[in-house]
Amino acid sequence: RGRVTIAQDPMSACAAADALLVMTPWPEFREVALDRVASAMRCRTLIDPNGVLDVARASALGFTYYRLGAPPLD
C-alpha cells in the first residue's frame, strides 16, 4: 500500500522518492536545484500543479513533468 510523507524541506522530500508533488508556490521551491533533486530521487516524476519548477530544466534532466491544464512532458 502506498504512503505519503510530509517533509520539512524540499531536499528531504526527494530522498528515494518515486515521485515529487509540489503543493505550494513558496519561493524556496522555485529555487531548488533540480539536478540535486534528480540525484536524490529513485524515479524522475514531478507533479507541479502550479508550475513552480523550471519545466525546461526538469525536462532536460529527464523528468516526466505534470502540470494542471497541460499535457505531460517527458
Protein backbone atom coordinates (compact mmCIF):
# COMPACT_ATOMS: atom_id res chain seq x y z
CA ARG A 1 0.00 0.00 0.00
CA GLY A 2 1.31 3.47 -0.84
CA ARG A 3 2.20 6.11 1.65
CA VAL A 4 2.57 9.86 1.73
CA THR A 5 5.42 11.55 3.57
CA ILE A 6 5.39 15.21 4.54
CA ALA A 7 8.90 16.65 4.55
CA GLN A 8 10.42 19.56 6.44
CA ASP A 9 12.33 20.96 3.44
CA PRO A 10 12.45 20.46 -0.33
CA MET A 11 15.54 18.23 -0.45
CA SER A 12 14.44 15.86 2.29
CA ALA A 13 11.20 15.36 0.35
CA CYS A 14 13.21 13.95 -2.56
CA ALA A 15 15.21 11.28 -0.76
CA ALA A 16 14.50 7.96 -2.54
CA ALA A 17 11.14 9.27 -3.81
CA ASP A 18 9.37 7.73 -6.78
CA ALA A 19 7.51 10.98 -7.49
CA LEU A 20 7.57 14.51 -6.15
CA LEU A 21 4.36 16.52 -5.74
CA VAL A 22 4.88 20.28 -5.25
CA MET A 23 1.78 21.58 -3.50
CA THR A 24 2.80 25.19 -2.80
CA PRO A 25 4.23 28.08 -4.83
CA TRP A 26 6.53 29.17 -1.98
CA PRO A 27 9.83 30.74 -3.11
CA GLU A 28 12.05 28.05 -1.58
CA PHE A 29 10.55 25.53 -4.01
CA ARG A 30 11.23 27.78 -7.02
CA GLU A 31 14.91 27.96 -6.05
CA VAL A 32 15.55 24.24 -5.53
CA ALA A 33 18.42 22.76 -7.58
CA LEU A 34 16.71 20.29 -9.88
CA ASP A 35 19.97 18.43 -10.55
CA ARG A 36 20.18 17.66 -6.81
CA VAL A 37 16.52 16.63 -6.82
CA ALA A 38 17.19 14.25 -9.74
CA SER A 39 20.15 12.70 -7.91
CA ALA A 40 18.15 12.17 -4.73
CA MET A 41 15.08 10.54 -6.29
CA ARG A 42 14.62 6.91 -7.33
CA CYS A 43 12.35 7.84 -10.25
CA ARG A 44 12.00 11.12 -12.10
CA THR A 45 8.36 12.14 -11.92
CA LEU A 46 7.40 15.70 -10.96
CA ILE A 47 3.82 16.73 -10.32
CA ASP A 48 3.77 20.53 -10.20
CA PRO A 49 0.14 21.74 -10.45
CA ASN A 50 1.06 25.43 -10.11
CA GLY A 51 4.08 25.47 -12.46
CA VAL A 52 6.55 26.38 -9.72
CA LEU A 53 9.54 24.50 -11.13
CA ASP A 54 11.54 25.25 -14.29
CA VAL A 55 9.88 22.93 -16.80
CA ALA A 56 12.70 23.22 -19.40
CA ARG A 57 15.32 22.30 -16.80
CA ALA A 58 13.18 19.43 -15.48
CA SER A 59 12.76 18.07 -19.00
CA ALA A 60 16.50 18.37 -19.71
CA LEU A 61 17.20 16.31 -16.57
CA GLY A 62 14.90 13.52 -17.73
CA PHE A 63 11.88 14.20 -15.53
CA THR A 64 8.35 13.41 -16.58
CA TYR A 65 6.65 16.66 -15.64
CA TYR A 66 2.92 17.11 -14.96
CA ARG A 67 1.20 20.48 -14.59
CA LEU A 68 -2.50 21.30 -14.29
CA GLY A 69 -4.07 22.01 -17.65
CA ALA A 70 -1.05 20.89 -19.69
CA PRO A 71 -0.05 17.58 -21.26
CA PRO A 72 2.77 15.63 -19.56
CA LEU A 73 6.31 16.47 -20.66
CA ASP A 74 9.00 13.83 -20.81
